Every structure is written in C-alpha cells, then in structure tokens.
Amino acid sequence: MTTHSVALQRPRRGKMIAGVCAALANRFGMSVGTVRLLFVLFGLFGAGEIAYLVLWVIVPKAPR
C-alpha cells in the first residue's frame, strides 16, 4: 500500500485569512469548514490563536 503525502503549504486561493486552515485541511484530507470549526473551539478552550499565528509563520505559501 502506497501513501501519497501532500505537502503542507498555504494555498494562494481558497483562504480566509492566511490559509492555515486550508493548508491543514488539504494535508489531512479534511473539509476546510471542519478545520476552521476546530480552530474556533481550540481558541475558546485552549490556545488556538497562538497555534494559528505560529503556523502562519512556519507554513510556507504554495508556489505560484
């Protein structure tokens, strides 16, 4: 069985703020809405804002 890994890159289209949720959704095969909801919940009950900012800095943009 072969697994195909998608690179973690922030897309240039289909993003709302920085594309962090879209990048995570593409990488793990989830819907973008689900990832956004999880970040909102994580922000309410944890450190979602900090995690988002860190990922914004660390995850590169997709090439043009």
N, C-alpha and C. Protein backbone atom coordinates (compact mmCIF):
# COMPACT_ATOMS: atom_id res chain seq x y z
N MET A 1 0.84 -1.18 0.00
CA MET A 1 0.00 0.00 0.00
C MET A 1 0.88 1.23 0.00
N THR A 2 0.64 2.14 -0.92
CA THR A 2 1.42 3.36 -1.04
C THR A 2 0.61 4.53 -0.52
N THR A 3 1.25 5.36 0.28
CA THR A 3 0.57 6.56 0.75
C THR A 3 1.13 7.76 0.02
N HIS A 4 0.24 8.64 -0.37
CA HIS A 4 0.64 9.85 -1.07
C HIS A 4 0.56 11.01 -0.10
N SER A 5 1.66 11.65 0.17
CA SER A 5 1.71 12.74 1.13
C SER A 5 1.59 14.08 0.41
N VAL A 6 0.69 14.91 0.88
CA VAL A 6 0.52 16.25 0.34
C VAL A 6 1.34 17.20 1.20
N ALA A 7 2.10 18.05 0.54
CA ALA A 7 2.94 19.00 1.27
C ALA A 7 2.09 20.00 2.03
N LEU A 8 2.55 20.41 3.18
CA LEU A 8 1.84 21.40 3.98
C LEU A 8 2.25 22.78 3.48
N GLN A 9 1.37 23.37 2.66
CA GLN A 9 1.62 24.69 2.09
C GLN A 9 0.33 25.49 2.13
N ARG A 10 0.44 26.77 2.46
CA ARG A 10 -0.72 27.64 2.48
C ARG A 10 -1.11 27.98 1.05
N PRO A 11 -2.35 27.71 0.66
CA PRO A 11 -2.76 27.99 -0.72
C PRO A 11 -2.89 29.48 -0.98
N ARG A 12 -2.76 29.85 -2.23
CA ARG A 12 -2.92 31.25 -2.61
C ARG A 12 -4.39 31.59 -2.84
N ARG A 13 -5.22 30.58 -3.09
CA ARG A 13 -6.66 30.78 -3.30
C ARG A 13 -7.43 29.88 -2.34
N GLY A 14 -8.64 30.27 -2.01
CA GLY A 14 -9.47 29.45 -1.13
C GLY A 14 -9.17 29.62 0.34
N LYS A 15 -8.58 30.75 0.68
CA LYS A 15 -8.23 31.00 2.07
C LYS A 15 -9.08 32.16 2.60
N MET A 16 -9.18 32.26 3.91
CA MET A 16 -9.92 33.37 4.51
C MET A 16 -8.97 34.43 5.06
N ILE A 17 -8.03 34.02 5.88
CA ILE A 17 -7.09 34.99 6.46
C ILE A 17 -5.69 34.70 5.93
N ALA A 18 -5.08 33.64 6.40
CA ALA A 18 -3.71 33.33 5.98
C ALA A 18 -3.61 31.99 5.27
N GLY A 19 -4.67 31.19 5.28
CA GLY A 19 -4.64 29.90 4.61
C GLY A 19 -4.17 28.74 5.47
N VAL A 20 -4.02 28.97 6.76
CA VAL A 20 -3.53 27.92 7.65
C VAL A 20 -4.54 26.77 7.71
N CYS A 21 -5.81 27.07 7.89
CA CYS A 21 -6.83 26.02 7.97
C CYS A 21 -6.95 25.27 6.64
N ALA A 22 -6.87 25.99 5.53
CA ALA A 22 -6.94 25.35 4.21
C ALA A 22 -5.74 24.43 4.00
N ALA A 23 -4.57 24.84 4.46
CA ALA A 23 -3.37 24.01 4.33
C ALA A 23 -3.52 22.73 5.15
N LEU A 24 -3.99 22.86 6.38
CA LEU A 24 -4.17 21.68 7.23
C LEU A 24 -5.25 20.75 6.67
N ALA A 25 -6.33 21.34 6.15
CA ALA A 25 -7.40 20.52 5.56
C ALA A 25 -6.90 19.74 4.35
N ASN A 26 -6.13 20.40 3.48
CA ASN A 26 -5.57 19.72 2.31
C ASN A 26 -4.61 18.62 2.73
N ARG A 27 -3.79 18.89 3.72
CA ARG A 27 -2.77 17.92 4.15
C ARG A 27 -3.38 16.67 4.76
N PHE A 28 -4.45 16.85 5.56
CA PHE A 28 -5.03 15.70 6.26
C PHE A 28 -6.32 15.19 5.64
N GLY A 29 -6.71 15.71 4.48
CA GLY A 29 -7.87 15.22 3.77
C GLY A 29 -9.18 15.51 4.48
N MET A 30 -9.28 16.65 5.11
CA MET A 30 -10.49 17.05 5.84
C MET A 30 -11.14 18.22 5.12
N SER A 31 -12.37 18.54 5.50
CA SER A 31 -13.01 19.72 4.92
C SER A 31 -12.46 20.96 5.63
N VAL A 32 -12.38 22.05 4.88
CA VAL A 32 -11.85 23.29 5.44
C VAL A 32 -12.77 23.79 6.56
N GLY A 33 -14.07 23.63 6.38
CA GLY A 33 -15.01 24.06 7.41
C GLY A 33 -14.80 23.36 8.74
N THR A 34 -14.50 22.07 8.67
CA THR A 34 -14.25 21.31 9.89
C THR A 34 -13.00 21.81 10.60
N VAL A 35 -11.95 22.06 9.86
CA VAL A 35 -10.70 22.54 10.45
C VAL A 35 -10.91 23.92 11.06
N ARG A 36 -11.67 24.79 10.36
CA ARG A 36 -11.95 26.12 10.91
C ARG A 36 -12.74 26.03 12.20
N LEU A 37 -13.74 25.14 12.24
CA LEU A 37 -14.52 24.95 13.45
C LEU A 37 -13.65 24.45 14.60
N LEU A 38 -12.75 23.52 14.30
CA LEU A 38 -11.85 23.02 15.33
C LEU A 38 -10.94 24.13 15.87
N PHE A 39 -10.47 25.02 14.99
CA PHE A 39 -9.64 26.12 15.45
C PHE A 39 -10.43 27.09 16.33
N VAL A 40 -11.70 27.33 15.98
CA VAL A 40 -12.53 28.21 16.81
C VAL A 40 -12.72 27.59 18.19
N LEU A 41 -13.04 26.29 18.23
CA LEU A 41 -13.21 25.61 19.51
C LEU A 41 -11.92 25.59 20.31
N PHE A 42 -10.81 25.33 19.61
CA PHE A 42 -9.50 25.32 20.27
C PHE A 42 -9.18 26.72 20.80
N GLY A 43 -9.60 27.74 20.09
CA GLY A 43 -9.38 29.11 20.54
C GLY A 43 -10.19 29.45 21.77
N LEU A 44 -11.39 28.91 21.85
CA LEU A 44 -12.24 29.17 23.01
C LEU A 44 -11.77 28.42 24.25
N PHE A 45 -11.26 27.22 24.05
CA PHE A 45 -10.91 26.37 25.19
C PHE A 45 -9.41 26.08 25.31
N GLY A 46 -8.59 26.74 24.51
CA GLY A 46 -7.16 26.47 24.55
C GLY A 46 -6.37 27.65 24.02
N ALA A 47 -5.39 27.34 23.23
CA ALA A 47 -4.50 28.38 22.70
C ALA A 47 -4.55 28.38 21.17
N GLY A 48 -5.75 28.35 20.61
CA GLY A 48 -5.91 28.30 19.16
C GLY A 48 -5.32 29.49 18.43
N GLU A 49 -5.44 30.67 19.02
CA GLU A 49 -4.90 31.87 18.37
C GLU A 49 -3.38 31.80 18.26
N ILE A 50 -2.75 31.33 19.31
CA ILE A 50 -1.29 31.22 19.30
C ILE A 50 -0.85 30.16 18.29
N ALA A 51 -1.53 29.03 18.27
CA ALA A 51 -1.20 27.97 17.32
C ALA A 51 -1.36 28.46 15.89
N TYR A 52 -2.44 29.22 15.62
CA TYR A 52 -2.68 29.75 14.28
C TYR A 52 -1.55 30.69 13.86
N LEU A 53 -1.17 31.59 14.75
CA LEU A 53 -0.10 32.54 14.43
C LEU A 53 1.23 31.83 14.18
N VAL A 54 1.52 30.83 14.99
CA VAL A 54 2.77 30.08 14.81
C VAL A 54 2.75 29.36 13.46
N LEU A 55 1.64 28.71 13.13
CA LEU A 55 1.55 28.02 11.85
C LEU A 55 1.60 28.99 10.68
N TRP A 56 1.05 30.20 10.84
CA TRP A 56 1.09 31.22 9.81
C TRP A 56 2.54 31.56 9.47
N VAL A 57 3.38 31.61 10.48
CA VAL A 57 4.79 31.95 10.29
C VAL A 57 5.57 30.76 9.73
N ILE A 58 5.26 29.54 10.21
CA ILE A 58 6.05 28.36 9.86
C ILE A 58 5.69 27.76 8.51
N VAL A 59 4.41 27.68 8.18
CA VAL A 59 3.97 27.01 6.95
C VAL A 59 4.19 27.93 5.76
N PRO A 60 4.95 27.46 4.76
CA PRO A 60 5.23 28.31 3.60
C PRO A 60 4.03 28.44 2.66
N LYS A 61 4.02 29.51 1.87
CA LYS A 61 3.00 29.69 0.85
C LYS A 61 3.27 28.71 -0.29
N ALA A 62 2.22 28.31 -0.98
CA ALA A 62 2.37 27.46 -2.15
C ALA A 62 3.02 28.27 -3.28
N PRO A 63 3.80 27.61 -4.11
CA PRO A 63 4.40 28.34 -5.23
C PRO A 63 3.34 28.81 -6.21
N ARG A 64 3.63 29.82 -6.96
CA ARG A 64 2.66 30.36 -7.94
C ARG A 64 2.44 29.44 -9.06
